[in-house]
C-alpha atoms as a PDB file:
ATOM      1  CA  MET A   1     172.218  35.557-219.695  1.00  0.00           C
ATOM      2  CA  LYS A   2     171.694  31.789-219.444  1.00  0.00           C
ATOM      3  CA  SER A   3     175.432  31.116-219.280  1.00  0.00           C
ATOM      4  CA  ARG A   4     175.788  33.616-216.419  1.00  0.00           C
ATOM      5  CA  ILE A   5     172.935  31.906-214.550  1.00  0.00           C
ATOM      6  CA  LEU A   6     174.534  28.500-214.998  1.00  0.00           C
ATOM      7  CA  LEU A   7     177.896  29.807-213.822  1.00  0.00           C
ATOM      8  CA  SER A   8     176.254  31.307-210.740  1.00  0.00           C
ATOM      9  CA  LEU A   9     174.434  28.059-210.153  1.00  0.00           C
ATOM     10  CA  ALA A  10     177.687  26.124-210.488  1.00  0.00           C
ATOM     11  CA  GLY A  11     179.390  28.391-207.999  1.00  0.00           C
ATOM     12  CA  LEU A  12     176.648  27.975-205.421  1.00  0.00           C
ATOM     13  CA  LEU A  13     176.556  24.216-205.920  1.00  0.00           C
ATOM     14  CA  VAL A  14     180.315  23.972-205.562  1.00  0.00           C
ATOM     15  CA  PHE A  15     180.004  25.714-202.218  1.00  0.00           C
ATOM     16  CA  GLY A  16     177.079  23.583-201.100  1.00  0.00           C
ATOM     17  CA  PHE A  17     178.678  20.380-202.351  1.00  0.00           C
ATOM     18  CA  ALA A  18     181.885  21.073-200.472  1.00  0.00           C
ATOM     19  CA  LEU A  19     179.942  21.518-197.264  1.00  0.00           C
ATOM     20  CA  TYR A  20     177.610  18.622-197.883  1.00  0.00           C
ATOM     21  CA  GLY A  21     179.997  16.046-199.265  1.00  0.00           C
ATOM     22  CA  CYS A  22     183.340  16.509-197.603  1.00  0.00           C
ATOM     23  CA  ASN A  23     185.023  18.188-194.692  1.00  0.00           C
ATOM     24  CA  ASN A  24     188.288  18.262-196.613  1.00  0.00           C
ATOM     25  CA  PRO A  25     187.572  19.058-200.279  1.00  0.00           C
ATOM     26  CA  GLU A  26     191.233  19.099-201.318  1.00  0.00           C
ATOM     27  CA  GLY A  27     191.943  15.713-199.793  1.00  0.00           C
ATOM     28  CA  LEU A  28     188.764  14.286-201.273  1.00  0.00           C
ATOM     29  CA  SER A  29     189.641  15.673-204.682  1.00  0.00           C
ATOM     30  CA  ARG A  30     192.956  13.835-204.597  1.00  0.00           C
ATOM     31  CA  VAL A  31     191.229  10.557-203.720  1.00  0.00           C
ATOM     32  CA  LEU A  32     188.538  10.896-206.385  1.00  0.00           C
ATOM     33  CA  GLY A  33     191.172  12.016-208.861  1.00  0.00           C
ATOM     34  CA  SER A  34     192.323   8.407-209.053  1.00  0.00           C
ATOM     35  CA  PHE A  35     188.807   7.494-210.177  1.00  0.00           C
ATOM     36  CA  GLY A  36     188.584  10.014-212.997  1.00  0.00           C
ATOM     37  CA  ALA A  37     192.177   9.990-214.238  1.00  0.00           C
ATOM     38  CA  GLY A  38     192.324   9.741-217.994  1.00  0.00           C
ATOM     39  CA  VAL A  39     188.602  10.249-218.516  1.00  0.00           C
ATOM     40  CA  GLY A  40     188.291  13.072-220.982  1.00  0.00           C
ATOM     41  CA  GLY A  41     191.219  14.825-219.323  1.00  0.00           C
ATOM     42  CA  ALA A  42     188.928  16.175-216.599  1.00  0.00           C
ATOM     43  CA  PRO A  43     189.876  15.567-212.953  1.00  0.00           C
ATOM     44  CA  VAL A  44     187.129  14.314-210.689  1.00  0.00           C
ATOM     45  CA  GLY A  45     187.789  17.249-208.413  1.00  0.00           C
ATOM     46  CA  ASP A  46     186.311  19.620-210.994  1.00  0.00           C
ATOM     47  CA  TYR A  47     183.282  20.410-208.854  1.00  0.00           C
ATOM     48  CA  ALA A  48     181.868  23.192-211.029  1.00  0.00           C
ATOM     49  CA  ALA A  49     181.310  21.000-214.083  1.00  0.00           C
ATOM     50  CA  SER A  50     180.003  18.216-211.885  1.00  0.00           C
ATOM     51  CA  ALA A  51     177.542  20.544-210.185  1.00  0.00           C
ATOM     52  CA  VAL A  52     176.030  21.892-213.397  1.00  0.00           C
ATOM     53  CA  LYS A  53     175.730  18.435-214.939  1.00  0.00           C
ATOM     54  CA  SER A  54     174.221  16.962-211.794  1.00  0.00           C
ATOM     55  CA  VAL A  55     171.588  19.655-211.410  1.00  0.00           C
ATOM     56  CA  GLN A  56     170.529  19.053-214.998  1.00  0.00           C
ATOM     57  CA  ALA A  57     170.432  15.354-214.268  1.00  0.00           C
ATOM     58  CA  VAL A  58     167.979  15.513-211.382  1.00  0.00           C
ATOM     59  CA  ALA A  59     165.411  17.042-213.732  1.00  0.00           C
ATOM     60  CA  HIS A  60     164.855  13.641-215.329  1.00  0.00           C
ATOM     61  CA  ALA A  61     163.235  10.431-214.213  1.00  0.00           C
ATOM     62  CA  ALA A  62     165.750   7.787-213.125  1.00  0.00           C
ATOM     63  CA  GLU A  63     165.250   5.687-216.235  1.00  0.00           C
ATOM     64  CA  ASP A  64     165.982   8.705-218.439  1.00  0.00           C
ATOM     65  CA  PHE A  65     169.411   9.576-217.027  1.00  0.00           C
ATOM     66  CA  THR A  66     172.091   9.677-219.677  1.00  0.00           C
ATOM     67  CA  PRO A  67     175.418   7.894-219.041  1.00  0.00           C
ATOM     68  CA  GLU A  68     177.055  11.287-218.572  1.00  0.00           C
ATOM     69  CA  GLN A  69     174.478  12.358-216.005  1.00  0.00           C
ATOM     70  CA  GLU A  70     174.870   9.089-214.107  1.00  0.00           C
ATOM     71  CA  TYR A  71     178.615   9.721-214.000  1.00  0.00           C
ATOM     72  CA  TYR A  72     178.276  13.167-212.436  1.00  0.00           C
ATOM     73  CA  ILE A  73     175.690  12.007-209.921  1.00  0.00           C
ATOM     74  CA  GLY A  74     177.921   9.051-209.060  1.00  0.00           C
ATOM     75  CA  ARG A  75     180.844  11.387-208.418  1.00  0.00           C
ATOM     76  CA  ALA A  76     178.776  13.357-205.938  1.00  0.00           C
ATOM     77  CA  VAL A  77     177.618  10.170-204.215  1.00  0.00           C
ATOM     78  CA  GLY A  78     181.220   8.956-204.048  1.00  0.00           C
ATOM     79  CA  ALA A  79     182.266  12.245-202.474  1.00  0.00           C
ATOM     80  CA  SER A  80     179.587  11.938-199.827  1.00  0.00           C
ATOM     81  CA  LEU A  81     180.533   8.330-199.124  1.00  0.00           C
ATOM     82  CA  LEU A  82     184.180   9.283-198.669  1.00  0.00           C
ATOM     83  CA  SER A  83     183.206  11.928-196.158  1.00  0.00           C
ATOM     84  CA  LYS A  84     181.877   9.061-194.027  1.00  0.00           C
ATOM     85  CA  TYR A  85     184.615   6.507-194.723  1.00  0.00           C
ATOM     86  CA  HIS A  86     188.333   6.756-195.463  1.00  0.00           C
ATOM     87  CA  PRO A  87     190.044   5.050-198.407  1.00  0.00           C
ATOM     88  CA  TYR A  88     192.466   2.228-197.733  1.00  0.00           C
ATOM     89  CA  HIS A  89     195.864   3.439-198.887  1.00  0.00           C
ATOM     90  CA  ASP A  90     197.396   0.261-200.279  1.00  0.00           C
ATOM     91  CA  ALA A  91     198.156   0.643-203.971  1.00  0.00           C
ATOM     92  CA  LYS A  92     198.806  -3.056-204.552  1.00  0.00           C
ATOM     93  CA  ALA A  93     195.561  -4.157-202.912  1.00  0.00           C
ATOM     94  CA  ASN A  94     193.499  -1.544-204.755  1.00  0.00           C
ATOM     95  CA  ALA A  95     195.144  -2.383-208.090  1.00  0.00           C
ATOM     96  CA  TYR A  96     194.290  -6.057-207.586  1.00  0.00           C
ATOM     97  CA  VAL A  97     190.653  -5.366-206.700  1.00  0.00           C
ATOM     98  CA  ASN A  98     190.414  -3.132-209.777  1.00  0.00           C
ATOM     99  CA  GLU A  99     191.908  -5.842-211.980  1.00  0.00           C
ATOM    100  CA  VAL A 100     189.290  -8.357-210.867  1.00  0.00           C
ATOM    101  CA  GLY A 101     186.503  -5.784-211.048  1.00  0.00           C
ATOM    102  CA  GLN A 102     187.381  -4.592-214.558  1.00  0.00           C
ATOM    103  CA  ALA A 103     187.354  -8.162-215.868  1.00  0.00           C
ATOM    104  CA  LEU A 104     183.900  -8.734-214.389  1.00  0.00           C
ATOM    105  CA  ALA A 105     182.536  -5.430-215.689  1.00  0.00           C
ATOM    106  CA  MET A 106     183.528  -6.394-219.243  1.00  0.00           C
ATOM    107  CA  PHE A 107     181.179  -9.389-219.052  1.00  0.00           C
ATOM    108  CA  SER A 108     178.248  -7.518-217.481  1.00  0.00           C
ATOM    109  CA  ASP A 109     175.246  -6.219-219.397  1.00  0.00           C
ATOM    110  CA  MET A 110     176.757  -2.726-219.017  1.00  0.00           C
ATOM    111  CA  PRO A 111     180.438  -3.217-219.908  1.00  0.00           C
ATOM    112  CA  GLN A 112     180.991   0.489-220.449  1.00  0.00           C
ATOM    113  CA  THR A 113     179.974   3.571-218.504  1.00  0.00           C
ATOM    114  CA  TYR A 114     180.670   7.232-219.245  1.00  0.00           C
ATOM    115  CA  GLY A 115     183.576   7.419-216.805  1.00  0.00           C
ATOM    116  CA  GLY A 116     184.423   3.725-216.669  1.00  0.00           C
ATOM    117  CA  TYR A 117     184.279   1.355-213.715  1.00  0.00           C
ATOM    118  CA  HIS A 118     186.522   2.101-210.729  1.00  0.00           C
ATOM    119  CA  PHE A 119     186.932   0.117-207.526  1.00  0.00           C
ATOM    120  CA  LEU A 120     188.233   1.357-204.174  1.00  0.00           C
ATOM    121  CA  ILE A 121     188.867  -0.358-200.832  1.00  0.00           C
ATOM    122  CA  ILE A 122     187.445   1.459-197.796  1.00  0.00           C
ATOM    123  CA  ASP A 123     189.441   1.353-194.580  1.00  0.00           C
ATOM    124  CA  SER A 124     186.651   0.062-192.363  1.00  0.00           C
ATOM    125  CA  THR A 125     186.040  -3.141-190.422  1.00  0.00           C
ATOM    126  CA  GLU A 126     182.344  -2.945-191.296  1.00  0.00           C
ATOM    127  CA  ILE A 127     181.165  -5.702-193.608  1.00  0.00           C
ATOM    128  CA  ASN A 128     179.769  -3.832-196.581  1.00  0.00           C
ATOM    129  CA  ALA A 129     180.124  -2.772-200.202  1.00  0.00           C
ATOM    130  CA  PHE A 130     178.541   0.074-202.171  1.00  0.00           C
ATOM    131  CA  ALA A 131     177.958   0.910-205.828  1.00  0.00           C
ATOM    132  CA  ALA A 132     177.453   4.537-206.855  1.00  0.00           C
ATOM    133  CA  PRO A 133     175.787   5.423-210.175  1.00  0.00           C
ATOM    134  CA  GLY A 134     178.080   5.326-213.170  1.00  0.00           C
ATOM    135  CA  GLY A 135     180.365   2.562-211.949  1.00  0.00           C
ATOM    136  CA  LEU A 136     182.117   3.640-208.728  1.00  0.00           C
ATOM    137  CA  VAL A 137     182.324   0.576-206.479  1.00  0.00           C
ATOM    138  CA  PHE A 138     183.519   0.632-202.865  1.00  0.00           C
ATOM    139  CA  ILE A 139     184.338  -2.427-200.731  1.00  0.00           C
ATOM    140  CA  THR A 140     185.344  -2.402-197.082  1.00  0.00           C
ATOM    141  CA  ARG A 141     188.271  -4.242-195.544  1.00  0.00           C
ATOM    142  CA  GLY A 142     185.703  -6.027-193.368  1.00  0.00           C
ATOM    143  CA  MET A 143     183.998  -7.397-196.464  1.00  0.00           C
ATOM    144  CA  LEU A 144     187.308  -8.482-197.965  1.00  0.00           C
ATOM    145  CA  ARG A 145     188.022 -10.482-194.815  1.00  0.00           C
ATOM    146  CA  CYS A 146     184.881 -12.505-195.569  1.00  0.00           C
ATOM    147  CA  CYS A 147     186.337 -13.539-198.911  1.00  0.00           C
ATOM    148  CA  SER A 148     188.150 -16.869-198.793  1.00  0.00           C
ATOM    149  CA  GLY A 149     189.625 -16.385-202.238  1.00  0.00           C
ATOM    150  CA  GLU A 150     189.252 -14.678-205.599  1.00  0.00           C
ATOM    151  CA  ASN A 151     185.989 -16.448-206.434  1.00  0.00           C
ATOM    152  CA  ALA A 152     184.379 -14.923-203.352  1.00  0.00           C
ATOM    153  CA  LEU A 153     185.858 -11.473-204.069  1.00  0.00           C
ATOM    154  CA  ALA A 154     184.581 -11.688-207.640  1.00  0.00           C
ATOM    155  CA  ALA A 155     181.118 -12.550-206.303  1.00  0.00           C
ATOM    156  CA  VAL A 156     180.985  -9.396-204.159  1.00  0.00           C
ATOM    157  CA  LEU A 157     182.164  -7.182-207.001  1.00  0.00           C
ATOM    158  CA  ALA A 158     179.791  -8.818-209.499  1.00  0.00           C
ATOM    159  CA  HIS A 159     176.870  -8.124-207.152  1.00  0.00           C
ATOM    160  CA  GLU A 160     177.809  -4.434-206.967  1.00  0.00           C
ATOM    161  CA  ILE A 161     178.310  -4.224-210.733  1.00  0.00           C
ATOM    162  CA  ALA A 162     174.784  -5.633-211.075  1.00  0.00           C
ATOM    163  CA  HIS A 163     173.456  -2.731-208.981  1.00  0.00           C
ATOM    164  CA  VAL A 164     175.167  -0.353-211.411  1.00  0.00           C
ATOM    165  CA  GLU A 165     173.752  -1.989-214.528  1.00  0.00           C
ATOM    166  CA  HIS A 166     170.279  -2.074-212.955  1.00  0.00           C
ATOM    167  CA  LYS A 167     170.580   1.614-211.966  1.00  0.00           C
ATOM    168  CA  ASP A 168     169.348   0.742-208.483  1.00  0.00           C
ATOM    169  CA  ALA A 169     170.894   3.767-206.768  1.00  0.00           C
ATOM    170  CA  LEU A 170     169.125   6.171-209.130  1.00  0.00           C
ATOM    171  CA  ARG A 171     165.780   4.662-208.164  1.00  0.00           C
ATOM    172  CA  ALA A 172     166.302   6.137-204.698  1.00  0.00           C
ATOM    173  CA  ILE A 173     165.874   9.727-205.895  1.00  0.00           C
ATOM    174  CA  LYS A 174     162.388  10.806-204.936  1.00  0.00           C
ATOM    175  CA  ARG A 175     160.130  11.628-207.863  1.00  0.00           C
ATOM    176  CA  ALA A 176     158.994  14.842-206.173  1.00  0.00           C
ATOM    177  CA  ARG A 177     162.533  16.220-206.376  1.00  0.00           C
ATOM    178  CA  THR A 178     162.867  15.561-210.107  1.00  0.00           C
ATOM    179  CA  THR A 179     159.452  17.114-210.731  1.00  0.00           C
ATOM    180  CA  GLU A 180     160.372  20.276-208.844  1.00  0.00           C
ATOM    181  CA  ALA A 181     163.741  20.551-210.568  1.00  0.00           C
ATOM    182  CA  LEU A 182     162.095  20.102-213.973  1.00  0.00           C
ATOM    183  CA  ALA A 183     159.633  22.884-213.212  1.00  0.00           C
ATOM    184  CA  ILE A 184     162.496  25.265-212.490  1.00  0.00           C
ATOM    185  CA  ILE A 185     164.957  24.228-215.202  1.00  0.00           C
ATOM    186  CA  GLY A 186     162.485  23.567-217.983  1.00  0.00           C
ATOM    187  CA  GLY A 187     160.314  26.631-217.629  1.00  0.00           C
ATOM    188  CA  GLU A 188     160.617  30.255-218.619  1.00  0.00           C
ATOM    189  CA  ALA A 189     161.478  30.994-215.017  1.00  0.00           C
ATOM    190  CA  LEU A 190     165.087  29.948-215.582  1.00  0.00           C
ATOM    191  CA  LYS A 191     165.609  32.855-217.930  1.00  0.00           C
ATOM    192  CA  GLN A 192     164.724  35.200-215.106  1.00  0.00           C
ATOM    193  CA  ALA A 193     166.059  32.972-212.336  1.00  0.00           C
ATOM    194  CA  GLY A 194     166.774  34.725-209.114  1.00  0.00           C
ATOM    195  CA  GLY A 195     168.556  33.706-205.969  1.00  0.00           C
ATOM    196  CA  SER A 196     165.594  31.773-204.601  1.00  0.00           C
ATOM    197  CA  ASP A 197     165.372  29.510-207.671  1.00  0.00           C
ATOM    198  CA  VAL A 198     169.084  28.846-207.632  1.00  0.00           C
ATOM    199  CA  ALA A 199     168.901  28.041-203.929  1.00  0.00           C
ATOM    200  CA  ARG A 200     166.029  25.631-204.547  1.00  0.00           C
ATOM    201  CA  LEU A 201     168.004  23.813-207.243  1.00  0.00           C
ATOM    202  CA  THR A 202     170.993  23.617-204.941  1.00  0.00           C
ATOM    203  CA  ASN A 203     168.854  22.058-202.225  1.00  0.00           C
ATOM    204  CA  ILE A 204     167.220  19.639-204.660  1.00  0.00           C
ATOM    205  CA  PHE A 205     170.609  18.420-205.831  1.00  0.00           C
ATOM    206  CA  ALA A 206     171.906  17.948-202.281  1.00  0.00           C
ATOM    207  CA  ASP A 207     168.694  16.215-201.229  1.00  0.00           C
ATOM    208  CA  SER A 208     168.823  13.899-204.267  1.00  0.00           C
ATOM    209  CA  ILE A 209     172.323  12.782-203.343  1.00  0.00           C
ATOM    210  CA  GLY A 210     171.031  12.405-199.778  1.00  0.00           C
ATOM    211  CA  ASP A 211     168.257  10.114-201.034  1.00  0.00           C
ATOM    212  CA  ILE A 212     170.825   7.801-202.602  1.00  0.00           C
ATOM    213  CA  MET A 213     173.111   7.873-199.564  1.00  0.00           C
ATOM    214  CA  THR A 214     170.220   7.099-197.207  1.00  0.00           C
ATOM    215  CA  THR A 215     169.243   4.093-199.307  1.00  0.00           C
ATOM    216  CA  MET A 216     172.780   2.744-199.782  1.00  0.00           C
ATOM    217  CA  VAL A 217     174.125   3.305-196.273  1.00  0.00           C
ATOM    218  CA  ASN A 218     171.111   3.330-193.944  1.00  0.00           C
ATOM    219  CA  ASN A 219     168.058   1.632-195.410  1.00  0.00           C
ATOM    220  CA  GLY A 220     169.346  -0.667-198.131  1.00  0.00           C
ATOM    221  CA  TYR A 221     167.603  -1.793-201.307  1.00  0.00           C
ATOM    222  CA  SER A 222     164.478  -3.920-201.357  1.00  0.00           C
ATOM    223  CA  ARG A 223     164.763  -7.693-201.141  1.00  0.00           C
ATOM    224  CA  THR A 224     163.634  -7.899-204.748  1.00  0.00           C
ATOM    225  CA  LEU A 225     166.443  -5.647-205.968  1.00  0.00           C
ATOM    226  CA  GLU A 226     169.023  -7.550-203.904  1.00  0.00           C
ATOM    227  CA  TYR A 227     167.864 -10.916-205.230  1.00  0.00           C
ATOM    228  CA  GLU A 228     167.913  -9.546-208.784  1.00  0.00           C
ATOM    229  CA  ALA A 229     171.475  -8.306-208.236  1.00  0.00           C
ATOM    230  CA  ASP A 230     172.476 -11.757-206.980  1.00  0.00           C
ATOM    231  CA  LYS A 231     170.944 -13.362-210.059  1.00  0.00           C
ATOM    232  CA  ALA A 232     172.779 -10.964-212.363  1.00  0.00           C
ATOM    233  CA  ALA A 233     175.998 -11.542-210.403  1.00  0.00           C
ATOM    234  CA  ILE A 234     175.770 -15.284-211.104  1.00  0.00           C
ATOM    235  CA  THR A 235     175.473 -14.523-214.823  1.00  0.00           C
ATOM    236  CA  ILE A 236     178.494 -12.222-214.714  1.00  0.00           C
ATOM    237  CA  LEU A 237     180.568 -14.778-212.797  1.00  0.00           C
ATOM    238  CA  VAL A 238     179.775 -17.572-215.251  1.00  0.00           C
ATOM    239  CA  ARG A 239     180.532 -15.381-218.273  1.00  0.00           C
ATOM    240  CA  THR A 240     183.863 -14.325-216.759  1.00  0.00           C
ATOM    241  CA  GLY A 241     184.901 -17.864-215.888  1.00  0.00           C
ATOM    242  CA  TYR A 242     184.527 -17.744-212.116  1.00  0.00           C
ATOM    243  CA  ASN A 243     182.859 -20.480-210.105  1.00  0.00           C
ATOM    244  CA  PRO A 244     179.385 -19.102-209.208  1.00  0.00           C
ATOM    245  CA  SER A 245     179.593 -21.012-205.939  1.00  0.00           C
ATOM    246  CA  GLY A 246     181.785 -18.129-204.799  1.00  0.00           C
ATOM    247  CA  LEU A 247     178.624 -16.143-204.009  1.00  0.00           C
ATOM    248  CA  PRO A 248     176.966 -18.567-201.566  1.00  0.00           C
ATOM    249  CA  ASP A 249     180.438 -19.341-200.190  1.00  0.00           C
ATOM    250  CA  MET A 250     180.966 -15.656-199.419  1.00  0.00           C
ATOM    251  CA  LEU A 251     177.465 -15.328-197.937  1.00  0.00           C
ATOM    252  CA  GLU A 252     178.110 -18.285-195.621  1.00  0.00           C
ATOM    253  CA  ALA A 253     181.302 -16.610-194.375  1.00  0.00           C
ATOM    254  CA  MET A 254     179.361 -13.384-193.805  1.00  0.00           C
ATOM    255  CA  GLN A 255     176.660 -15.253-191.910  1.00  0.00           C
ATOM    256  CA  LYS A 256     179.297 -16.294-189.356  1.00  0.00           C
ATOM    257  CA  ARG A 257     180.818 -12.817-189.006  1.00  0.00           C
ATOM    258  CA  LEU A 258     177.800 -10.509-189.032  1.00  0.00           C
ATOM    259  CA  THR A 259     176.486  -9.117-185.763  1.00  0.00           C
ATOM    260  CA  PRO A 260     172.665  -9.336-185.587  1.00  0.00           C
ATOM    261  CA  GLY A 261     171.198  -5.845-185.485  1.00  0.00           C
ATOM    262  CA  GLY A 262     174.489  -4.337-186.589  1.00  0.00           C
ATOM    263  CA  THR A 263     174.847  -1.112-188.548  1.00  0.00           C
ATOM    264  CA  ASP A 264     176.593  -2.534-191.587  1.00  0.00           C
ATOM    265  CA  PHE A 265     175.529  -5.195-194.107  1.00  0.00           C
ATOM    266  CA  ALA A 266     173.196  -6.821-191.575  1.00  0.00           C
ATOM    267  CA  LYS A 267     171.115  -3.631-191.511  1.00  0.00           C
ATOM    268  CA  THR A 268     170.913  -2.934-195.232  1.00  0.00           C
ATOM    269  CA  HIS A 269     170.656  -6.387-196.849  1.00  0.00           C
ATOM    270  CA  PRO A 270     168.479  -9.495-196.548  1.00  0.00           C
ATOM    271  CA  ALA A 271     169.922 -12.150-194.235  1.00  0.00           C
ATOM    272  CA  PRO A 272     172.687 -14.146-195.946  1.00  0.00           C
ATOM    273  CA  SER A 273     170.753 -17.363-195.227  1.00  0.00           C
ATOM    274  CA  ASP A 274     167.765 -15.988-197.171  1.00  0.00           C
ATOM    275  CA  ARG A 275     169.972 -15.046-200.093  1.00  0.00           C
ATOM    276  CA  ILE A 276     171.625 -18.470-200.085  1.00  0.00           C
ATOM    277  CA  HIS A 277     168.170 -20.057-200.218  1.00  0.00           C
ATOM    278  CA  GLU A 278     167.199 -17.864-203.179  1.00  0.00           C
ATOM    279  CA  LEU A 279     170.436 -18.793-204.950  1.00  0.00           C
ATOM    280  CA  ALA A 280     169.878 -22.536-204.527  1.00  0.00           C
ATOM    281  CA  ASN A 281     168.394 -22.900-207.998  1.00  0.00           C
ATOM    282  CA  LEU A 282     170.869 -20.536-209.646  1.00  0.00           C
ATOM    283  CA  ALA A 283     174.278 -21.443-208.269  1.00  0.00           C
ATOM    284  CA  ARG A 284     175.002 -25.120-207.853  1.00  0.00           C
ATOM    285  CA  VAL A 285     176.978 -25.226-204.619  1.00  0.00           C
ATOM    286  CA  ALA A 286     180.137 -27.201-205.210  1.00  0.00           C
ATOM    287  CA  GLU A 287     183.612 -27.316-203.789  1.00  0.00           C
ATOM    288  CA  ILE A 288     185.631 -24.356-204.968  1.00  0.00           C
ATOM    289  CA  ASN A 289     189.031 -25.290-206.351  1.00  0.00           C
ATOM    290  CA  GLU A 290     190.729 -22.130-207.511  1.00  0.00           C
ATOM    291  CA  PRO A 291     193.694 -22.226-209.892  1.00  0.00           C
ATOM    292  CA  PRO A 292     197.020 -21.850-208.048  1.00  0.00           C
ATOM    293  CA  ALA A 293     197.722 -18.555-209.830  1.00  0.00           C
ATOM    294  CA  ARG A 294     194.513 -17.034-208.442  1.00  0.00           C
ATOM    295  CA  VAL A 295     195.250 -18.296-204.950  1.00  0.00           C
ATOM    296  CA  ALA A 296     198.734 -16.801-205.076  1.00  0.00           C
ATOM    297  CA  ARG A 297     197.698 -13.371-206.323  1.00  0.00           C
ATOM    298  CA  PHE A 298     194.809 -13.153-203.863  1.00  0.00           C
ATOM    299  CA  LYS A 299     197.122 -13.865-200.921  1.00  0.00           C
ATOM    300  CA  ALA A 300     199.825 -11.555-202.264  1.00  0.00           C
ATOM    301  CA  ALA A 301     197.456  -8.600-202.646  1.00  0.00           C
ATOM    302  CA  LEU A 302     195.029  -9.076-199.761  1.00  0.00           C
ATOM    303  CA  GLY A 303     196.890 -11.290-197.324  1.00  0.00           C
ATOM    304  CA  ASN A 304     197.384  -8.443-194.845  1.00  0.00           C
ATOM    305  CA  ILE A 305     194.002  -6.797-195.289  1.00  0.00           C
END
């Protein structure tokens, strides 16, 4: 009986997820497939498994999510994000960004996630970057144009990795949703679950992903969380061997490019000048002299971005 209920729930969530997260599920599946390739042999486009796991996940407080649950929630968030933005189809550029990102992730406080870290360039002139739960990191072409070199790119990616290790996106899920989901999933009612209960769980899941999307794309994290991510990014950069001055250097470049009152980074993050001030005691600003090999590979991969 329970297995039939879960299968019905999965079917309904697949339908709702397709409507909620993407106008072209097949195309989206192909894009996300590059994220999940080689992870347990399961393609990221396997919506049914994702749906069941994600609904179970929202029944827990954010700090209690398992790595597997974070992974499935992150997949749904990534799907929603890619319904708003399009991926940048340049294999060489994406491979390079992933190479830098993977090196940084290894030196973070969360070097491993259930599905691994994956980095994707978004084809947008907006200046922004996003980190979905479980290690999916997105960076726009506009943000890449603010990076003068690999040190600056590493700084952006390290900041997003810090959001992953701090589980900042999961904090956005409203407690009321997890409480309601727990009441349905954890009680005797599930054994006799009818259409109304399944529909409620479907809505809770969609709304939970909506909570994360609203925070990441529209409202942004609190100043405290952003400053903490910057601090962690400095630690990651130093451990990996990058000059931590890459972070204030990148923020200074952003300060010149951002449009006040804009809808991108300027709307969802503290002013770059404020972040530079906070970093003053953490990152000793010094001239950045990158090794010739780094300069060459940065220009080769991102020179036409």
